[in-house]
Amino acid sequence: MIRHIVFFTVPDRAKLEDVRAGLSILTAIPHARLLEIGTNVKTDQLGTEVDLVVYGEFDDEAALAAYKAHPNYQRSIERVRPLREMRIAADYESTAAVREPL
């Protein structure tokens, strides 16, 4: 499984929900096992720069590539890019099993 994590900063606080809405376009793309958009709750004492996070899980690199090739991906970029500042992305292969809650 490939995990895809992207961090965003939004310099204009008034535009935060606009960026979140633009990122939410991604949730309609069918290639992810899981895709969620989160607002950073900023509880970490060493760094609170990140405003929004995209987290996705994909079966393999082909599924991630199909996600990035989907027209909604480009629509999201066009809507979000003018409003955000930093964008940092990481993709990594995971073999960790998901634990059931106790």
N, C-alpha and C. Protein backbone atom coordinates (compact mmCIF):
# COMPACT_ATOMS: atom_id res chain seq x y z
N MET A 1 0.84 -1.17 0.00
CA MET A 1 0.00 0.00 0.00
C MET A 1 0.89 1.24 0.00
N ILE A 2 0.46 2.25 -0.72
CA ILE A 2 1.15 3.54 -0.76
C ILE A 2 0.35 4.53 0.07
N ARG A 3 1.05 5.21 0.97
CA ARG A 3 0.43 6.29 1.74
C ARG A 3 0.91 7.62 1.15
N HIS A 4 -0.01 8.50 0.95
CA HIS A 4 0.23 9.80 0.30
C HIS A 4 -0.18 10.88 1.29
N ILE A 5 0.79 11.72 1.69
CA ILE A 5 0.51 12.78 2.66
C ILE A 5 1.00 14.11 2.09
N VAL A 6 0.14 15.10 2.12
CA VAL A 6 0.49 16.43 1.60
C VAL A 6 0.12 17.47 2.66
N PHE A 7 1.07 18.36 2.96
CA PHE A 7 0.86 19.43 3.93
C PHE A 7 0.77 20.76 3.20
N PHE A 8 -0.13 21.62 3.67
CA PHE A 8 -0.33 22.94 3.06
C PHE A 8 -0.32 24.02 4.14
N THR A 9 0.20 25.19 3.76
CA THR A 9 0.01 26.38 4.58
C THR A 9 -0.82 27.36 3.77
N VAL A 10 -1.63 28.12 4.48
CA VAL A 10 -2.51 29.12 3.86
C VAL A 10 -2.22 30.45 4.55
N PRO A 11 -1.52 31.35 3.88
CA PRO A 11 -1.13 32.60 4.54
C PRO A 11 -2.29 33.52 4.91
N ASP A 12 -3.35 33.50 4.13
CA ASP A 12 -4.51 34.35 4.41
C ASP A 12 -5.56 33.50 5.13
N ARG A 13 -5.69 33.70 6.44
CA ARG A 13 -6.62 32.89 7.26
C ARG A 13 -8.04 32.94 6.71
N ALA A 14 -8.42 34.04 6.07
CA ALA A 14 -9.76 34.17 5.53
C ALA A 14 -10.00 33.21 4.36
N LYS A 15 -8.93 32.67 3.79
CA LYS A 15 -9.04 31.77 2.63
C LYS A 15 -8.91 30.29 3.02
N LEU A 16 -8.77 30.00 4.30
CA LEU A 16 -8.56 28.63 4.74
C LEU A 16 -9.69 27.69 4.29
N GLU A 17 -10.92 28.10 4.46
CA GLU A 17 -12.04 27.24 4.05
C GLU A 17 -12.14 27.12 2.54
N ASP A 18 -11.72 28.14 1.80
CA ASP A 18 -11.68 28.05 0.34
C ASP A 18 -10.67 26.99 -0.10
N VAL A 19 -9.52 26.96 0.56
CA VAL A 19 -8.50 25.95 0.24
C VAL A 19 -9.02 24.57 0.62
N ARG A 20 -9.63 24.45 1.78
CA ARG A 20 -10.19 23.16 2.21
C ARG A 20 -11.24 22.68 1.19
N ALA A 21 -12.08 23.56 0.73
CA ALA A 21 -13.09 23.20 -0.27
C ALA A 21 -12.43 22.76 -1.58
N GLY A 22 -11.37 23.45 -1.98
CA GLY A 22 -10.65 23.05 -3.19
C GLY A 22 -9.99 21.69 -3.05
N LEU A 23 -9.46 21.40 -1.87
CA LEU A 23 -8.86 20.10 -1.63
C LEU A 23 -9.92 19.01 -1.55
N SER A 24 -11.10 19.36 -1.09
CA SER A 24 -12.18 18.37 -0.96
C SER A 24 -12.63 17.82 -2.30
N ILE A 25 -12.32 18.51 -3.37
CA ILE A 25 -12.61 18.00 -4.72
C ILE A 25 -11.94 16.64 -4.91
N LEU A 26 -10.79 16.46 -4.27
CA LEU A 26 -10.02 15.22 -4.40
C LEU A 26 -10.76 14.00 -3.87
N THR A 27 -11.67 14.19 -2.92
CA THR A 27 -12.35 13.05 -2.31
C THR A 27 -13.31 12.35 -3.27
N ALA A 28 -13.62 12.97 -4.38
CA ALA A 28 -14.50 12.35 -5.39
C ALA A 28 -13.73 11.47 -6.37
N ILE A 29 -12.41 11.45 -6.26
CA ILE A 29 -11.59 10.62 -7.16
C ILE A 29 -11.65 9.19 -6.64
N PRO A 30 -11.99 8.22 -7.51
CA PRO A 30 -12.27 6.86 -7.04
C PRO A 30 -11.07 5.94 -6.79
N HIS A 31 -9.85 6.35 -7.00
CA HIS A 31 -8.72 5.42 -6.97
C HIS A 31 -8.11 5.17 -5.59
N ALA A 32 -8.54 5.90 -4.58
CA ALA A 32 -7.97 5.76 -3.24
C ALA A 32 -8.78 4.79 -2.40
N ARG A 33 -8.09 4.03 -1.55
CA ARG A 33 -8.76 3.22 -0.52
C ARG A 33 -9.40 4.16 0.49
N LEU A 34 -8.64 5.21 0.83
CA LEU A 34 -9.04 6.19 1.82
C LEU A 34 -8.45 7.52 1.40
N LEU A 35 -9.23 8.57 1.48
CA LEU A 35 -8.71 9.91 1.22
C LEU A 35 -9.45 10.87 2.13
N GLU A 36 -8.70 11.62 2.91
CA GLU A 36 -9.33 12.58 3.80
C GLU A 36 -8.57 13.89 3.81
N ILE A 37 -9.31 14.94 4.09
CA ILE A 37 -8.76 16.28 4.20
C ILE A 37 -8.92 16.69 5.66
N GLY A 38 -7.82 17.11 6.29
CA GLY A 38 -7.90 17.48 7.69
C GLY A 38 -7.33 18.86 7.95
N THR A 39 -7.89 19.51 8.94
CA THR A 39 -7.37 20.79 9.41
C THR A 39 -6.46 20.50 10.59
N ASN A 40 -5.25 21.02 10.56
CA ASN A 40 -4.29 20.81 11.64
C ASN A 40 -4.83 21.44 12.92
N VAL A 41 -4.92 20.65 13.99
CA VAL A 41 -5.39 21.18 15.27
C VAL A 41 -4.30 21.92 16.03
N LYS A 42 -3.08 21.85 15.52
CA LYS A 42 -1.94 22.64 16.01
C LYS A 42 -1.67 22.45 17.50
N THR A 43 -1.56 21.21 17.92
CA THR A 43 -1.25 20.91 19.31
C THR A 43 0.22 20.57 19.52
N ASP A 44 0.99 20.42 18.44
CA ASP A 44 2.40 20.08 18.57
C ASP A 44 3.19 21.30 19.01
N GLN A 45 3.96 21.17 20.06
CA GLN A 45 4.69 22.32 20.61
C GLN A 45 5.88 22.75 19.77
N LEU A 46 6.32 21.90 18.84
CA LEU A 46 7.53 22.23 18.07
C LEU A 46 7.24 22.75 16.67
N GLY A 47 6.01 22.66 16.21
CA GLY A 47 5.72 23.15 14.87
C GLY A 47 4.23 23.18 14.60
N THR A 48 3.75 24.35 14.25
CA THR A 48 2.32 24.49 13.95
C THR A 48 2.11 25.23 12.65
N GLU A 49 3.09 25.18 11.76
CA GLU A 49 2.98 25.94 10.51
C GLU A 49 1.91 25.37 9.58
N VAL A 50 1.77 24.05 9.56
CA VAL A 50 0.87 23.39 8.62
C VAL A 50 -0.58 23.72 8.98
N ASP A 51 -1.36 24.07 7.95
CA ASP A 51 -2.77 24.38 8.16
C ASP A 51 -3.69 23.23 7.77
N LEU A 52 -3.41 22.61 6.62
CA LEU A 52 -4.27 21.55 6.10
C LEU A 52 -3.43 20.35 5.68
N VAL A 53 -4.04 19.17 5.75
CA VAL A 53 -3.37 17.93 5.40
C VAL A 53 -4.28 17.11 4.50
N VAL A 54 -3.70 16.55 3.45
CA VAL A 54 -4.37 15.55 2.63
C VAL A 54 -3.70 14.23 2.96
N TYR A 55 -4.50 13.22 3.31
CA TYR A 55 -3.97 11.90 3.62
C TYR A 55 -4.71 10.89 2.76
N GLY A 56 -3.95 10.08 2.03
CA GLY A 56 -4.57 9.06 1.19
C GLY A 56 -3.85 7.74 1.28
N GLU A 57 -4.60 6.67 1.06
CA GLU A 57 -4.05 5.33 0.99
C GLU A 57 -4.46 4.73 -0.35
N PHE A 58 -3.46 4.16 -1.04
CA PHE A 58 -3.66 3.61 -2.38
C PHE A 58 -3.12 2.18 -2.44
N ASP A 59 -3.76 1.34 -3.21
CA ASP A 59 -3.33 -0.06 -3.31
C ASP A 59 -1.90 -0.18 -3.80
N ASP A 60 -1.52 0.67 -4.75
CA ASP A 60 -0.18 0.57 -5.33
C ASP A 60 0.13 1.87 -6.08
N GLU A 61 1.32 1.92 -6.67
CA GLU A 61 1.74 3.13 -7.39
C GLU A 61 0.84 3.42 -8.58
N ALA A 62 0.31 2.39 -9.21
CA ALA A 62 -0.60 2.58 -10.35
C ALA A 62 -1.88 3.30 -9.91
N ALA A 63 -2.40 2.93 -8.76
CA ALA A 63 -3.61 3.60 -8.25
C ALA A 63 -3.32 5.06 -7.91
N LEU A 64 -2.15 5.33 -7.33
CA LEU A 64 -1.77 6.71 -7.02
C LEU A 64 -1.60 7.51 -8.31
N ALA A 65 -0.99 6.90 -9.32
CA ALA A 65 -0.82 7.59 -10.61
C ALA A 65 -2.17 7.87 -11.26
N ALA A 66 -3.11 6.94 -11.17
CA ALA A 66 -4.45 7.15 -11.73
C ALA A 66 -5.17 8.28 -11.00
N TYR A 67 -4.99 8.34 -9.70
CA TYR A 67 -5.55 9.43 -8.89
C TYR A 67 -5.01 10.78 -9.37
N LYS A 68 -3.71 10.86 -9.57
CA LYS A 68 -3.09 12.12 -10.00
C LYS A 68 -3.43 12.47 -11.45
N ALA A 69 -3.83 11.49 -12.25
CA ALA A 69 -4.20 11.74 -13.65
C ALA A 69 -5.68 12.09 -13.80
N HIS A 70 -6.46 11.94 -12.75
CA HIS A 70 -7.90 12.21 -12.81
C HIS A 70 -8.14 13.71 -13.00
N PRO A 71 -9.14 14.10 -13.78
CA PRO A 71 -9.42 15.53 -14.00
C PRO A 71 -9.69 16.32 -12.71
N ASN A 72 -10.26 15.70 -11.70
CA ASN A 72 -10.50 16.42 -10.45
C ASN A 72 -9.21 16.82 -9.75
N TYR A 73 -8.15 16.06 -9.96
CA TYR A 73 -6.86 16.41 -9.38
C TYR A 73 -6.39 17.76 -9.92
N GLN A 74 -6.48 17.93 -11.23
CA GLN A 74 -6.08 19.20 -11.86
C GLN A 74 -7.01 20.32 -11.44
N ARG A 75 -8.31 20.04 -11.33
CA ARG A 75 -9.27 21.06 -10.87
C ARG A 75 -8.92 21.55 -9.48
N SER A 76 -8.55 20.61 -8.61
CA SER A 76 -8.16 20.98 -7.25
C SER A 76 -6.92 21.85 -7.26
N ILE A 77 -5.92 21.47 -8.04
CA ILE A 77 -4.69 22.27 -8.14
C ILE A 77 -5.01 23.70 -8.58
N GLU A 78 -5.83 23.83 -9.61
CA GLU A 78 -6.15 25.16 -10.14
C GLU A 78 -6.85 26.03 -9.10
N ARG A 79 -7.64 25.41 -8.25
CA ARG A 79 -8.37 26.17 -7.24
C ARG A 79 -7.50 26.50 -6.02
N VAL A 80 -6.62 25.57 -5.64
CA VAL A 80 -5.86 25.71 -4.40
C VAL A 80 -4.55 26.47 -4.58
N ARG A 81 -3.84 26.23 -5.66
CA ARG A 81 -2.50 26.80 -5.84
C ARG A 81 -2.44 28.31 -5.62
N PRO A 82 -3.37 29.10 -6.15
CA PRO A 82 -3.26 30.56 -5.93
C PRO A 82 -3.46 31.00 -4.48
N LEU A 83 -4.04 30.13 -3.65
CA LEU A 83 -4.38 30.50 -2.28
C LEU A 83 -3.42 29.97 -1.23
N ARG A 84 -2.65 28.96 -1.58
CA ARG A 84 -1.76 28.34 -0.59
C ARG A 84 -0.35 28.87 -0.75
N GLU A 85 0.45 28.63 0.28
CA GLU A 85 1.85 29.01 0.21
C GLU A 85 2.68 27.74 0.09
N MET A 86 2.95 27.08 1.19
CA MET A 86 3.77 25.87 1.18
C MET A 86 2.93 24.66 0.79
N ARG A 87 3.57 23.76 0.06
CA ARG A 87 3.01 22.44 -0.22
C ARG A 87 4.16 21.45 -0.13
N ILE A 88 4.06 20.51 0.79
CA ILE A 88 5.07 19.47 0.93
C ILE A 88 4.35 18.13 0.83
N ALA A 89 4.83 17.27 -0.06
CA ALA A 89 4.20 15.97 -0.28
C ALA A 89 5.19 14.84 -0.02
N ALA A 90 4.66 13.73 0.46
CA ALA A 90 5.46 12.53 0.64
C ALA A 90 4.60 11.32 0.33
N ASP A 91 5.19 10.37 -0.37
CA ASP A 91 4.54 9.10 -0.66
C ASP A 91 5.48 8.01 -0.16
N TYR A 92 4.91 7.05 0.55
CA TYR A 92 5.76 5.96 1.02
C TYR A 92 4.99 4.64 1.01
N GLU A 93 5.74 3.58 0.84
CA GLU A 93 5.15 2.25 0.84
C GLU A 93 5.02 1.76 2.27
N SER A 94 3.85 1.24 2.60
CA SER A 94 3.59 0.77 3.96
C SER A 94 3.14 -0.67 3.93
N THR A 95 3.66 -1.45 4.84
CA THR A 95 3.21 -2.83 5.00
C THR A 95 2.53 -2.98 6.35
N ALA A 96 2.34 -1.89 7.07
CA ALA A 96 1.72 -1.94 8.40
C ALA A 96 0.25 -2.32 8.29
N ALA A 97 -0.15 -3.20 9.14
CA ALA A 97 -1.56 -3.58 9.20
C ALA A 97 -2.32 -2.54 10.02
N VAL A 98 -3.57 -2.34 9.66
CA VAL A 98 -4.41 -1.42 10.41
C VAL A 98 -4.90 -2.16 11.65
N ARG A 99 -4.70 -1.54 12.81
CA ARG A 99 -5.15 -2.17 14.06
C ARG A 99 -6.59 -1.83 14.34
N GLU A 100 -7.28 -2.80 14.84
CA GLU A 100 -8.67 -2.60 15.27
C GLU A 100 -8.64 -1.92 16.64
N PRO A 101 -9.60 -1.05 16.92
CA PRO A 101 -9.65 -0.41 18.24
C PRO A 101 -9.90 -1.44 19.34
N LEU A 102 -9.37 -1.18 20.51
CA LEU A 102 -9.58 -2.08 21.65
C LEU A 102 -10.97 -1.99 22.19
